Amino acid sequence: MTQSGLRPRNPYHNTRAVRDARMFFGRSEALMRLYGAITNSQSVSLLGPRSIGKSSLIECMRLPEIQ
């Protein structure tokens, strides 16, 4: 909640995963951490509220533009 008592607006308004690298931004740190964990054979769990971008993060790892 914010000081005004309103919930912050979710910037991820679409309910489908982002599949266009041009639409995927602001997650470079999360991608680096995820790649690092996977390349070190660590188990990874993505947890978060609905429509926050978990599926988009996984989908974008497959895109050559992101890699």
Protein backbone atom coordinates (compact mmCIF):
# COMPACT_ATOMS: atom_id res chain seq x y z
CA MET A 1 0.00 0.00 0.00
CA THR A 2 1.11 3.55 -0.64
CA GLN A 3 0.73 6.48 1.73
CA SER A 4 -2.57 7.38 0.09
CA GLY A 5 -3.88 3.90 0.93
CA LEU A 6 -4.13 2.86 -2.72
CA ARG A 7 -2.42 -0.22 -4.07
CA PRO A 8 0.37 0.53 -6.57
CA ARG A 9 -0.58 -0.12 -10.17
CA ASN A 10 0.85 -3.31 -11.70
CA PRO A 11 2.96 -2.29 -14.76
CA TYR A 12 2.52 -5.79 -16.24
CA HIS A 13 -0.99 -5.37 -17.56
CA ASN A 14 -0.99 -8.26 -20.02
CA THR A 15 -1.72 -11.75 -18.70
CA ARG A 16 0.41 -13.51 -21.33
CA ALA A 17 4.20 -13.93 -21.25
CA VAL A 18 6.26 -11.36 -23.15
CA ARG A 19 7.78 -13.05 -26.19
CA ASP A 20 9.26 -9.99 -27.91
CA ALA A 21 12.68 -8.96 -26.56
CA ARG A 22 11.92 -5.30 -27.32
CA MET A 23 9.07 -5.42 -24.78
CA PHE A 24 11.21 -7.01 -22.06
CA PHE A 25 13.16 -4.48 -20.04
CA GLY A 26 14.13 -3.72 -16.46
CA ARG A 27 15.00 -7.31 -15.62
CA SER A 28 18.68 -7.57 -16.52
CA GLU A 29 19.74 -8.17 -12.89
CA ALA A 30 17.11 -10.86 -12.44
CA LEU A 31 18.17 -12.52 -15.70
CA MET A 32 21.85 -12.50 -14.69
CA ARG A 33 21.05 -14.03 -11.31
CA LEU A 34 18.83 -16.66 -12.91
CA TYR A 35 21.44 -17.56 -15.56
CA GLY A 36 24.12 -17.72 -12.87
CA ALA A 37 22.09 -20.07 -10.72
CA ILE A 38 21.21 -22.35 -13.63
CA THR A 39 24.77 -22.49 -14.99
CA ASN A 40 25.96 -23.42 -11.47
CA SER A 41 23.43 -26.29 -11.39
CA GLN A 42 21.36 -24.68 -8.63
CA SER A 43 17.64 -25.24 -8.26
CA VAL A 44 15.56 -22.14 -8.92
CA SER A 45 12.04 -21.17 -7.83
CA LEU A 46 10.29 -18.06 -9.08
CA LEU A 47 7.73 -16.80 -6.63
CA GLY A 48 5.58 -13.71 -6.80
CA PRO A 49 2.08 -12.35 -7.24
CA ARG A 50 0.03 -13.10 -10.33
CA SER A 51 0.93 -11.15 -13.48
CA ILE A 52 4.23 -9.84 -12.14
CA GLY A 53 6.32 -11.27 -14.99
CA LYS A 54 7.51 -14.70 -13.85
CA SER A 55 6.55 -16.44 -17.11
CA SER A 56 7.98 -13.57 -19.14
CA LEU A 57 11.31 -13.94 -17.35
CA ILE A 58 11.46 -17.66 -18.20
CA GLU A 59 10.30 -17.13 -21.79
CA CYS A 60 12.84 -14.37 -22.42
CA MET A 61 15.71 -16.59 -21.32
CA ARG A 62 15.12 -18.57 -24.52
CA LEU A 63 15.37 -15.55 -26.83
CA PRO A 64 18.74 -15.08 -28.57
CA GLU A 65 18.43 -11.28 -28.19
CA ILE A 66 18.39 -11.65 -24.41
CA GLN A 67 21.16 -14.23 -24.18
